[in-house]
Amino acid sequence: VTVLKGSNTPLVIENDELELAENYDTTTLHAVATSHYNSPLH
């Protein structure tokens, strides 16, 4: 049985220095949807 090299080779990181993503100065918040718990419909 002949076994050839496949694609499941481990990922190797050659550079140990990792760069962080840039900071965001602003952000947007959204209100949580109204719950129907204990409402007449529920």
PDB file of all heavy atoms in Angstrom:
ATOM      1  N   VAL A   1       0.857  -1.179   0.000  1.00  0.00           N
ATOM      2  CA  VAL A   1       0.000   0.000   0.000  1.00  0.00           C
ATOM      3  C   VAL A   1       0.895   1.231   0.000  1.00  0.00           C
ATOM      4  O   VAL A   1       1.757   1.383   0.876  1.00  0.00           O
ATOM      5  CB  VAL A   1      -0.939   0.019   1.225  1.00  0.00           C
ATOM      6  CG1 VAL A   1      -1.776   1.296   1.230  1.00  0.00           C
ATOM      7  CG2 VAL A   1      -1.840  -1.200   1.232  1.00  0.00           C
ATOM      8  N   THR A   2       0.687   2.109  -0.995  1.00  0.00           N
ATOM      9  CA  THR A   2       1.479   3.336  -1.102  1.00  0.00           C
ATOM     10  C   THR A   2       0.693   4.493  -0.506  1.00  0.00           C
ATOM     11  O   THR A   2      -0.467   4.723  -0.861  1.00  0.00           O
ATOM     12  CB  THR A   2       1.811   3.640  -2.569  1.00  0.00           C
ATOM     13  OG1 THR A   2       2.531   2.540  -3.122  1.00  0.00           O
ATOM     14  CG2 THR A   2       2.645   4.895  -2.675  1.00  0.00           C
ATOM     15  N   VAL A   3       1.317   5.210   0.425  1.00  0.00           N
ATOM     16  CA  VAL A   3       0.683   6.349   1.083  1.00  0.00           C
ATOM     17  C   VAL A   3       1.385   7.622   0.626  1.00  0.00           C
ATOM     18  O   VAL A   3       2.602   7.770   0.800  1.00  0.00           O
ATOM     19  CB  VAL A   3       0.746   6.220   2.614  1.00  0.00           C
ATOM     20  CG1 VAL A   3       0.096   7.430   3.277  1.00  0.00           C
ATOM     21  CG2 VAL A   3       0.072   4.936   3.068  1.00  0.00           C
ATOM     22  N   LEU A   4       0.607   8.518   0.002  1.00  0.00           N
ATOM     23  CA  LEU A   4       1.136   9.783  -0.476  1.00  0.00           C
ATOM     24  C   LEU A   4       0.812  10.893   0.517  1.00  0.00           C
ATOM     25  O   LEU A   4      -0.101  10.774   1.332  1.00  0.00           O
ATOM     26  CB  LEU A   4       0.539  10.118  -1.849  1.00  0.00           C
ATOM     27  CG  LEU A   4       0.714   9.041  -2.935  1.00  0.00           C
ATOM     28  CD1 LEU A   4       0.004   9.462  -4.205  1.00  0.00           C
ATOM     29  CD2 LEU A   4       2.187   8.773  -3.207  1.00  0.00           C
ATOM     30  N   LYS A   5       1.542  11.986   0.404  1.00  0.00           N
ATOM     31  CA  LYS A   5       1.325  13.116   1.300  1.00  0.00           C
ATOM     32  C   LYS A   5      -0.005  13.774   0.976  1.00  0.00           C
ATOM     33  O   LYS A   5      -0.306  14.058  -0.178  1.00  0.00           O
ATOM     34  CB  LYS A   5       2.462  14.121   1.161  1.00  0.00           C
ATOM     35  CG  LYS A   5       2.345  15.291   2.129  1.00  0.00           C
ATOM     36  CD  LYS A   5       3.528  16.234   1.976  1.00  0.00           C
ATOM     37  CE  LYS A   5       3.414  17.396   2.949  1.00  0.00           C
ATOM     38  NZ  LYS A   5       4.564  18.346   2.830  1.00  0.00           N
ATOM     39  N   GLY A   6      -0.824  14.022   1.994  1.00  0.00           N
ATOM     40  CA  GLY A   6      -2.120  14.649   1.796  1.00  0.00           C
ATOM     41  C   GLY A   6      -2.102  16.114   2.172  1.00  0.00           C
ATOM     42  O   GLY A   6      -1.036  16.714   2.359  1.00  0.00           O
ATOM     43  N   SER A   7      -3.273  16.683   2.305  1.00  0.00           N
ATOM     44  CA  SER A   7      -3.394  18.116   2.609  1.00  0.00           C
ATOM     45  C   SER A   7      -3.506  18.392   4.101  1.00  0.00           C
ATOM     46  O   SER A   7      -3.642  19.546   4.500  1.00  0.00           O
ATOM     47  CB  SER A   7      -4.634  18.694   1.901  1.00  0.00           C
ATOM     48  OG  SER A   7      -5.807  18.033   2.352  1.00  0.00           O
ATOM     49  N   ASN A   8      -3.465  17.347   4.914  1.00  0.00           N
ATOM     50  CA  ASN A   8      -3.664  17.555   6.358  1.00  0.00           C
ATOM     51  C   ASN A   8      -2.361  17.847   7.078  1.00  0.00           C
ATOM     52  O   ASN A   8      -2.058  17.302   8.122  1.00  0.00           O
ATOM     53  CB  ASN A   8      -4.327  16.329   6.983  1.00  0.00           C
ATOM     54  CG  ASN A   8      -3.490  15.064   6.765  1.00  0.00           C
ATOM     55  OD1 ASN A   8      -2.569  15.055   5.955  1.00  0.00           O
ATOM     56  ND2 ASN A   8      -3.819  14.011   7.493  1.00  0.00           N
ATOM     57  N   THR A   9      -1.538  18.743   6.478  1.00  0.00           N
ATOM     58  CA  THR A   9      -0.283  19.123   7.119  1.00  0.00           C
ATOM     59  C   THR A   9      -0.561  20.175   8.173  1.00  0.00           C
ATOM     60  O   THR A   9      -1.428  21.042   7.995  1.00  0.00           O
ATOM     61  CB  THR A   9       0.695  19.677   6.082  1.00  0.00           C
ATOM     62  OG1 THR A   9       0.049  20.733   5.371  1.00  0.00           O
ATOM     63  CG2 THR A   9       1.096  18.597   5.086  1.00  0.00           C
ATOM     64  N   PRO A  10       0.121  20.125   9.320  1.00  0.00           N
ATOM     65  CA  PRO A  10      -0.158  21.084  10.383  1.00  0.00           C
ATOM     66  C   PRO A  10       0.208  22.514   9.976  1.00  0.00           C
ATOM     67  O   PRO A  10       1.110  22.734   9.179  1.00  0.00           O
ATOM     68  CB  PRO A  10       0.708  20.590  11.549  1.00  0.00           C
ATOM     69  CG  PRO A  10       1.808  19.817  10.888  1.00  0.00           C
ATOM     70  CD  PRO A  10       1.211  19.199   9.681  1.00  0.00           C
ATOM     71  N   LEU A  11      -0.511  23.515  10.505  1.00  0.00           N
ATOM     72  CA  LEU A  11      -0.245  24.918  10.227  1.00  0.00           C
ATOM     73  C   LEU A  11       0.975  25.368  11.028  1.00  0.00           C
ATOM     74  O   LEU A  11       1.035  25.212  12.241  1.00  0.00           O
ATOM     75  CB  LEU A  11      -1.463  25.763  10.612  1.00  0.00           C
ATOM     76  CG  LEU A  11      -1.316  27.275  10.447  1.00  0.00           C
ATOM     77  CD1 LEU A  11      -1.114  27.625   8.973  1.00  0.00           C
ATOM     78  CD2 LEU A  11      -2.538  28.000  11.003  1.00  0.00           C
ATOM     79  N   VAL A  12       1.949  25.917  10.336  1.00  0.00           N
ATOM     80  CA  VAL A  12       3.192  26.353  10.972  1.00  0.00           C
ATOM     81  C   VAL A  12       3.273  27.879  10.899  1.00  0.00           C
ATOM     82  O   VAL A  12       3.126  28.464   9.814  1.00  0.00           O
ATOM     83  CB  VAL A  12       4.423  25.728  10.276  1.00  0.00           C
ATOM     84  CG1 VAL A  12       5.701  26.219  10.922  1.00  0.00           C
ATOM     85  CG2 VAL A  12       4.329  24.216  10.335  1.00  0.00           C
ATOM     86  N   ILE A  13       3.446  28.557  12.027  1.00  0.00           N
ATOM     87  CA  ILE A  13       3.603  30.017  12.080  1.00  0.00           C
ATOM     88  C   ILE A  13       5.084  30.327  12.146  1.00  0.00           C
ATOM     89  O   ILE A  13       5.759  29.982  13.119  1.00  0.00           O
ATOM     90  CB  ILE A  13       2.876  30.601  13.302  1.00  0.00           C
ATOM     91  CG1 ILE A  13       1.389  30.243  13.249  1.00  0.00           C
ATOM     92  CG2 ILE A  13       3.068  32.106  13.389  1.00  0.00           C
ATOM     93  CD1 ILE A  13       0.604  30.718  14.446  1.00  0.00           C
ATOM     94  N   GLU A  14       5.581  30.907  11.071  1.00  0.00           N
ATOM     95  CA  GLU A  14       7.023  31.150  10.992  1.00  0.00           C
ATOM     96  C   GLU A  14       7.427  32.365  11.817  1.00  0.00           C
ATOM     97  O   GLU A  14       8.546  32.463  12.302  1.00  0.00           O
ATOM     98  CB  GLU A  14       7.428  31.347   9.523  1.00  0.00           C
ATOM     99  CG  GLU A  14       7.165  30.094   8.676  1.00  0.00           C
ATOM    100  CD  GLU A  14       7.567  30.298   7.226  1.00  0.00           C
ATOM    101  OE1 GLU A  14       7.956  31.440   6.888  1.00  0.00           O
ATOM    102  OE2 GLU A  14       7.488  29.326   6.454  1.00  0.00           O
ATOM    103  N   ASN A  15       6.544  33.379  11.972  1.00  0.00           N
ATOM    104  CA  ASN A  15       6.879  34.591  12.706  1.00  0.00           C
ATOM    105  C   ASN A  15       6.105  34.599  14.010  1.00  0.00           C
ATOM    106  O   ASN A  15       4.881  34.551  14.028  1.00  0.00           O
ATOM    107  CB  ASN A  15       6.519  35.824  11.866  1.00  0.00           C
ATOM    108  CG  ASN A  15       7.078  37.095  12.488  1.00  0.00           C
ATOM    109  OD1 ASN A  15       7.558  37.092  13.616  1.00  0.00           O
ATOM    110  ND2 ASN A  15       7.002  38.196  11.734  1.00  0.00           N
ATOM    111  N   ASP A  16       6.827  34.613  15.139  1.00  0.00           N
ATOM    112  CA  ASP A  16       6.179  34.578  16.436  1.00  0.00           C
ATOM    113  C   ASP A  16       5.525  35.905  16.797  1.00  0.00           C
ATOM    114  O   ASP A  16       4.746  35.978  17.747  1.00  0.00           O
ATOM    115  CB  ASP A  16       7.188  34.209  17.524  1.00  0.00           C
ATOM    116  CG  ASP A  16       7.666  32.773  17.373  1.00  0.00           C
ATOM    117  OD1 ASP A  16       6.897  31.959  16.795  1.00  0.00           O
ATOM    118  OD2 ASP A  16       8.786  32.477  17.822  1.00  0.00           O
ATOM    119  N   GLU A  17       5.858  37.014  16.090  1.00  0.00           N
ATOM    120  CA  GLU A  17       5.285  38.314  16.418  1.00  0.00           C
ATOM    121  C   GLU A  17       3.934  38.452  15.718  1.00  0.00           C
ATOM    122  O   GLU A  17       3.844  38.454  14.500  1.00  0.00           O
ATOM    123  CB  GLU A  17       6.228  39.427  15.971  1.00  0.00           C
ATOM    124  CG  GLU A  17       7.561  39.408  16.712  1.00  0.00           C
ATOM    125  CD  GLU A  17       8.458  40.558  16.267  1.00  0.00           C
ATOM    126  OE1 GLU A  17       7.985  41.362  15.427  1.00  0.00           O
ATOM    127  OE2 GLU A  17       9.578  40.652  16.757  1.00  0.00           O
ATOM    128  N   LEU A  18       2.875  38.568  16.504  1.00  0.00           N
ATOM    129  CA  LEU A  18       1.527  38.694  15.976  1.00  0.00           C
ATOM    130  C   LEU A  18       1.086  40.142  16.059  1.00  0.00           C
ATOM    131  O   LEU A  18       1.366  40.834  17.043  1.00  0.00           O
ATOM    132  CB  LEU A  18       0.558  37.804  16.756  1.00  0.00           C
ATOM    133  CG  LEU A  18       0.876  36.307  16.749  1.00  0.00           C
ATOM    134  CD1 LEU A  18      -0.152  35.558  17.590  1.00  0.00           C
ATOM    135  CD2 LEU A  18       0.888  35.763  15.320  1.00  0.00           C
ATOM    136  N   GLU A  19       0.408  40.639  15.023  1.00  0.00           N
ATOM    137  CA  GLU A  19      -0.060  42.020  14.983  1.00  0.00           C
ATOM    138  C   GLU A  19      -1.523  42.084  15.372  1.00  0.00           C
ATOM    139  O   GLU A  19      -2.350  41.343  14.833  1.00  0.00           O
ATOM    140  CB  GLU A  19       0.128  42.578  13.566  1.00  0.00           C
ATOM    141  CG  GLU A  19      -0.241  44.035  13.450  1.00  0.00           C
ATOM    142  CD  GLU A  19       0.006  44.566  12.054  1.00  0.00           C
ATOM    143  OE1 GLU A  19       0.638  43.836  11.258  1.00  0.00           O
ATOM    144  OE2 GLU A  19      -0.452  45.682  11.750  1.00  0.00           O
ATOM    145  N   LEU A  20      -1.860  42.973  16.322  1.00  0.00           N
ATOM    146  CA  LEU A  20      -3.227  43.124  16.777  1.00  0.00           C
ATOM    147  C   LEU A  20      -4.001  44.020  15.835  1.00  0.00           C
ATOM    148  O   LEU A  20      -3.436  44.893  15.166  1.00  0.00           O
ATOM    149  CB  LEU A  20      -3.261  43.716  18.186  1.00  0.00           C
ATOM    150  CG  LEU A  20      -2.556  42.903  19.282  1.00  0.00           C
ATOM    151  CD1 LEU A  20      -2.622  43.655  20.616  1.00  0.00           C
ATOM    152  CD2 LEU A  20      -3.208  41.538  19.412  1.00  0.00           C
ATOM    153  N   ALA A  21      -5.313  43.815  15.786  1.00  0.00           N
ATOM    154  CA  ALA A  21      -6.160  44.676  14.963  1.00  0.00           C
ATOM    155  C   ALA A  21      -6.214  46.083  15.561  1.00  0.00           C
ATOM    156  O   ALA A  21      -6.018  46.283  16.763  1.00  0.00           O
ATOM    157  CB  ALA A  21      -7.558  44.086  14.876  1.00  0.00           C
ATOM    158  N   GLU A  22      -6.519  47.074  14.720  1.00  0.00           N
ATOM    159  CA  GLU A  22      -6.560  48.461  15.197  1.00  0.00           C
ATOM    160  C   GLU A  22      -7.783  48.693  16.085  1.00  0.00           C
ATOM    161  O   GLU A  22      -8.774  47.982  15.992  1.00  0.00           O
ATOM    162  CB  GLU A  22      -6.611  49.395  13.990  1.00  0.00           C
ATOM    163  CG  GLU A  22      -7.830  49.207  13.115  1.00  0.00           C
ATOM    164  CD  GLU A  22      -7.842  50.180  11.956  1.00  0.00           C
ATOM    165  OE1 GLU A  22      -7.123  51.179  12.020  1.00  0.00           O
ATOM    166  OE2 GLU A  22      -8.588  49.911  10.996  1.00  0.00           O
ATOM    167  N   ASN A  23      -7.683  49.716  16.925  1.00  0.00           N
ATOM    168  CA  ASN A  23      -8.786  50.077  17.821  1.00  0.00           C
ATOM    169  C   ASN A  23      -9.855  50.848  17.067  1.00  0.00           C
ATOM    170  O   ASN A  23      -9.561  51.587  16.128  1.00  0.00           O
ATOM    171  CB  ASN A  23      -8.262  50.925  18.984  1.00  0.00           C
ATOM    172  CG  ASN A  23      -7.314  50.131  19.874  1.00  0.00           C
ATOM    173  OD1 ASN A  23      -7.451  48.919  19.990  1.00  0.00           O
ATOM    174  ND2 ASN A  23      -6.366  50.832  20.496  1.00  0.00           N
ATOM    175  N   TYR A  24     -11.114  50.690  17.513  1.00  0.00           N
ATOM    176  CA  TYR A  24     -12.228  51.436  16.942  1.00  0.00           C
ATOM    177  C   TYR A  24     -12.543  52.605  17.880  1.00  0.00           C
ATOM    178  O   TYR A  24     -12.677  52.417  19.093  1.00  0.00           O
ATOM    179  CB  TYR A  24     -13.466  50.555  16.764  1.00  0.00           C
ATOM    180  CG  TYR A  24     -13.315  49.536  15.658  1.00  0.00           C
ATOM    181  CD1 TYR A  24     -12.880  48.255  15.942  1.00  0.00           C
ATOM    182  CD2 TYR A  24     -13.608  49.879  14.339  1.00  0.00           C
ATOM    183  CE1 TYR A  24     -12.736  47.314  14.921  1.00  0.00           C
ATOM    184  CE2 TYR A  24     -13.474  48.950  13.314  1.00  0.00           C
ATOM    185  CZ  TYR A  24     -13.032  47.665  13.603  1.00  0.00           C
ATOM    186  OH  TYR A  24     -12.881  46.753  12.604  1.00  0.00           O
ATOM    187  N   ASP A  25     -12.701  53.806  17.314  1.00  0.00           N
ATOM    188  CA  ASP A  25     -12.989  54.986  18.129  1.00  0.00           C
ATOM    189  C   ASP A  25     -14.459  55.105  18.476  1.00  0.00           C
ATOM    190  O   ASP A  25     -14.838  55.705  19.490  1.00  0.00           O
ATOM    191  CB  ASP A  25     -12.535  56.258  17.386  1.00  0.00           C
ATOM    192  CG  ASP A  25     -11.016  56.273  17.184  1.00  0.00           C
ATOM    193  OD1 ASP A  25     -10.312  55.676  18.036  1.00  0.00           O
ATOM    194  OD2 ASP A  25     -10.560  56.833  16.174  1.00  0.00           O
ATOM    195  N   THR A  26     -15.358  54.573  17.631  1.00  0.00           N
ATOM    196  CA  THR A  26     -16.796  54.687  17.867  1.00  0.00           C
ATOM    197  C   THR A  26     -17.449  53.319  17.736  1.00  0.00           C
ATOM    198  O   THR A  26     -16.859  52.385  17.176  1.00  0.00           O
ATOM    199  CB  THR A  26     -17.449  55.632  16.838  1.00  0.00           C
ATOM    200  OG1 THR A  26     -17.228  55.103  15.523  1.00  0.00           O
ATOM    201  CG2 THR A  26     -16.860  57.031  16.937  1.00  0.00           C
ATOM    202  N   THR A  27     -18.677  53.225  18.251  1.00  0.00           N
ATOM    203  CA  THR A  27     -19.427  51.974  18.134  1.00  0.00           C
ATOM    204  C   THR A  27     -20.911  52.292  18.066  1.00  0.00           C
ATOM    205  O   THR A  27     -21.329  53.398  18.406  1.00  0.00           O
ATOM    206  CB  THR A  27     -19.156  51.044  19.331  1.00  0.00           C
ATOM    207  OG1 THR A  27     -19.796  49.796  19.098  1.00  0.00           O
ATOM    208  CG2 THR A  27     -19.719  51.634  20.618  1.00  0.00           C
ATOM    209  N   THR A  28     -21.717  51.348  17.614  1.00  0.00           N
ATOM    210  CA  THR A  28     -23.164  51.537  17.490  1.00  0.00           C
ATOM    211  C   THR A  28     -23.878  50.484  18.311  1.00  0.00           C
ATOM    212  O   THR A  28     -23.590  49.292  18.188  1.00  0.00           O
ATOM    213  CB  THR A  28     -23.601  51.414  16.018  1.00  0.00           C
ATOM    214  OG1 THR A  28     -22.889  52.382  15.241  1.00  0.00           O
ATOM    215  CG2 THR A  28     -25.100  51.668  15.878  1.00  0.00           C
ATOM    216  N   LEU A  29     -24.819  50.895  19.161  1.00  0.00           N
ATOM    217  CA  LEU A  29     -25.572  49.985  20.016  1.00  0.00           C
ATOM    218  C   LEU A  29     -27.007  49.897  19.524  1.00  0.00           C
ATOM    219  O   LEU A  29     -27.554  50.860  18.993  1.00  0.00           O
ATOM    220  CB  LEU A  29     -25.551  50.463  21.470  1.00  0.00           C
ATOM    221  CG  LEU A  29     -24.166  50.611  22.113  1.00  0.00           C
ATOM    222  CD1 LEU A  29     -24.304  51.134  23.544  1.00  0.00           C
ATOM    223  CD2 LEU A  29     -23.419  49.277  22.105  1.00  0.00           C
ATOM    224  N   HIS A  30     -27.636  48.736  19.704  1.00  0.00           N
ATOM    225  CA  HIS A  30     -29.014  48.509  19.296  1.00  0.00           C
ATOM    226  C   HIS A  30     -29.836  48.067  20.494  1.00  0.00           C
ATOM    227  O   HIS A  30     -29.368  47.293  21.323  1.00  0.00           O
ATOM    228  CB  HIS A  30     -29.098  47.432  18.199  1.00  0.00           C
ATOM    229  CG  HIS A  30     -28.342  47.794  16.953  1.00  0.00           C
ATOM    230  ND1 HIS A  30     -28.859  48.587  15.966  1.00  0.00           N
ATOM    231  CD2 HIS A  30     -27.076  47.461  16.552  1.00  0.00           C
ATOM    232  CE1 HIS A  30     -27.968  48.731  14.997  1.00  0.00           C
ATOM    233  NE2 HIS A  30     -26.874  48.057  15.344  1.00  0.00           N
ATOM    234  N   ALA A  31     -31.080  48.538  20.579  1.00  0.00           N
ATOM    235  CA  ALA A  31     -31.965  48.176  21.688  1.00  0.00           C
ATOM    236  C   ALA A  31     -32.414  46.726  21.539  1.00  0.00           C
ATOM    237  O   ALA A  31     -32.632  46.232  20.429  1.00  0.00           O
ATOM    238  CB  ALA A  31     -33.180  49.097  21.711  1.00  0.00           C
ATOM    239  N   VAL A  32     -32.555  46.028  22.671  1.00  0.00           N
ATOM    240  CA  VAL A  32     -33.019  44.643  22.666  1.00  0.00           C
ATOM    241  C   VAL A  32     -34.500  44.614  22.338  1.00  0.00           C
ATOM    242  O   VAL A  32     -35.272  45.458  22.808  1.00  0.00           O
ATOM    243  CB  VAL A  32     -32.749  43.984  24.028  1.00  0.00           C
ATOM    244  CG1 VAL A  32     -33.276  42.556  24.041  1.00  0.00           C
ATOM    245  CG2 VAL A  32     -31.274  44.025  24.345  1.00  0.00           C
ATOM    246  N   ALA A  33     -34.934  43.652  21.502  1.00  0.00           N
ATOM    247  CA  ALA A  33     -36.346  43.562  21.118  1.00  0.00           C
ATOM    248  C   ALA A  33     -37.226  43.326  22.344  1.00  0.00           C
ATOM    249  O   ALA A  33     -36.822  42.683  23.321  1.00  0.00           O
ATOM    250  CB  ALA A  33     -36.537  42.430  20.111  1.00  0.00           C
ATOM    251  N   THR A  34     -38.441  43.840  22.304  1.00  0.00           N
ATOM    252  CA  THR A  34     -39.383  43.704  23.421  1.00  0.00           C
ATOM    253  C   THR A  34     -39.801  42.242  23.572  1.00  0.00           C
ATOM    254  O   THR A  34     -40.161  41.589  22.592  1.00  0.00           O
ATOM    255  CB  THR A  34     -40.614  44.574  23.188  1.00  0.00           C
ATOM    256  OG1 THR A  34     -40.196  45.925  23.007  1.00  0.00           O
ATOM    257  CG2 THR A  34     -41.572  44.482  24.365  1.00  0.00           C
ATOM    258  N   SER A  35     -39.774  41.716  24.815  1.00  0.00           N
ATOM    259  CA  SER A  35     -40.150  40.334  25.080  1.00  0.00           C
ATOM    260  C   SER A  35     -41.661  40.220  25.279  1.00  0.00           C
ATOM    261  O   SER A  35     -42.285  41.117  25.859  1.00  0.00           O
ATOM    262  CB  SER A  35     -39.432  39.823  26.326  1.00  0.00           C
ATOM    263  OG  SER A  35     -39.916  38.552  26.680  1.00  0.00           O
ATOM    264  N   HIS A  36     -42.250  39.114  24.770  1.00  0.00           N
ATOM    265  CA  HIS A  36     -43.684  38.862  24.945  1.00  0.00           C
ATOM    266  C   HIS A  36     -43.967  37.971  26.154  1.00  0.00           C
ATOM    267  O   HIS A  36     -45.083  37.507  26.320  1.00  0.00           O
ATOM    268  CB  HIS A  36     -44.247  38.192  23.685  1.00  0.00           C
ATOM    269  CG  HIS A  36     -44.222  39.093  22.483  1.00  0.00           C
ATOM    270  ND1 HIS A  36     -45.081  40.159  22.333  1.00  0.00           N
ATOM    271  CD2 HIS A  36     -43.424  39.081  21.382  1.00  0.00           C
ATOM    272  CE1 HIS A  36     -44.831  40.766  21.178  1.00  0.00           C
ATOM    273  NE2 HIS A  36     -43.827  40.136  20.588  1.00  0.00           N
ATOM    274  N   TYR A  37     -42.942  37.715  26.981  1.00  0.00           N
ATOM    275  CA  TYR A  37     -43.128  36.843  28.141  1.00  0.00           C
ATOM    276  C   TYR A  37     -44.145  37.456  29.097  1.00  0.00           C
ATOM    277  O   TYR A  37     -44.074  38.642  29.441  1.00  0.00           O
ATOM    278  CB  TYR A  37     -41.792  36.626  28.841  1.00  0.00           C
ATOM    279  CG  TYR A  37     -41.872  35.720  30.048  1.00  0.00           C
ATOM    280  CD1 TYR A  37     -42.032  34.342  29.885  1.00  0.00           C
ATOM    281  CD2 TYR A  37     -41.810  36.246  31.333  1.00  0.00           C
ATOM    282  CE1 TYR A  37     -42.116  33.500  30.983  1.00  0.00           C
ATOM    283  CE2 TYR A  37     -41.893  35.415  32.436  1.00  0.00           C
ATOM    284  CZ  TYR A  37     -42.052  34.045  32.252  1.00  0.00           C
ATOM    285  OH  TYR A  37     -42.143  33.224  33.345  1.00  0.00           O
ATOM    286  N   ASN A  38     -45.129  36.636  29.518  1.00  0.00           N
ATOM    287  CA  ASN A  38     -46.194  37.036  30.446  1.00  0.00           C
ATOM    288  C   ASN A  38     -47.148  38.083  29.854  1.00  0.00           C
ATOM    289  O   ASN A  38     -47.957  38.664  30.573  1.00  0.00           O
ATOM    290  CB  ASN A  38     -45.631  37.567  31.771  1.00  0.00           C
ATOM    291  CG  ASN A  38     -45.338  36.433  32.750  1.00  0.00           C
ATOM    292  OD1 ASN A  38     -45.886  35.340  32.616  1.00  0.00           O
ATOM    293  ND2 ASN A  38     -44.486  36.697  33.727  1.00  0.00           N
ATOM    294  N   SER A  39     -47.053  38.298  28.551  1.00  0.00           N
ATOM    295  CA  SER A  39     -47.987  39.217  27.909  1.00  0.00           C
ATOM    296  C   SER A  39     -49.309  38.487  27.663  1.00  0.00           C
ATOM    297  O   SER A  39     -49.379  37.250  27.738  1.00  0.00           O
ATOM    298  CB  SER A  39     -47.410  39.711  26.586  1.00  0.00           C
ATOM    299  OG  SER A  39     -47.302  38.629  25.662  1.00  0.00           O
ATOM    300  N   PRO A  40     -50.408  39.219  27.369  1.00  0.00           N
ATOM    301  CA  PRO A  40     -51.697  38.551  27.088  1.00  0.00           C
ATOM    302  C   PRO A  40     -51.587  37.537  25.950  1.00  0.00           C
ATOM    303  O   PRO A  40     -52.210  36.478  25.996  1.00  0.00           O
ATOM    304  CB  PRO A  40     -52.618  39.720  26.734  1.00  0.00           C
ATOM    305  CG  PRO A  40     -52.047  40.890  27.474  1.00  0.00           C
ATOM    306  CD  PRO A  40     -50.549  40.695  27.439  1.00  0.00           C
ATOM    307  N   LEU A  41     -50.787  37.876  24.916  1.00  0.00           N
ATOM    308  CA  LEU A  41     -50.617  36.948  23.795  1.00  0.00           C
ATOM    309  C   LEU A  41     -49.946  35.659  24.256  1.00  0.00           C
ATOM    310  O   LEU A  41     -50.368  34.545  23.907  1.00  0.00           O
ATOM    311  CB  LEU A  41     -49.792  37.609  22.687  1.00  0.00           C
ATOM    312  CG  LEU A  41     -49.456  36.717  21.482  1.00  0.00           C
ATOM    313  CD1 LEU A  41     -50.746  36.267  20.789  1.00  0.00           C
ATOM    314  CD2 LEU A  41     -48.551  37.455  20.500  1.00  0.00           C
ATOM    315  N   HIS A  42     -48.899  35.821  25.086  1.00  0.00           N
ATOM    316  CA  HIS A  42     -48.171  34.659  25.599  1.00  0.00           C
ATOM    317  C   HIS A  42     -49.073  33.780  26.455  1.00  0.00           C
ATOM    318  O   HIS A  42     -49.136  32.554  26.296  1.00  0.00           O
ATOM    319  CB  HIS A  42     -46.960  35.141  26.401  1.00  0.00           C
ATOM    320  CG  HIS A  42     -46.183  34.020  27.034  1.00  0.00           C
ATOM    321  ND1 HIS A  42     -45.982  33.944  28.391  1.00  0.00           N
ATOM    322  CD2 HIS A  42     -45.576  32.933  26.503  1.00  0.00           C
ATOM    323  CE1 HIS A  42     -45.287  32.867  28.674  1.00  0.00           C
ATOM    324  NE2 HIS A  42     -45.013  32.228  27.538  1.00  0.00           N
TER     325      HIS A  42
END
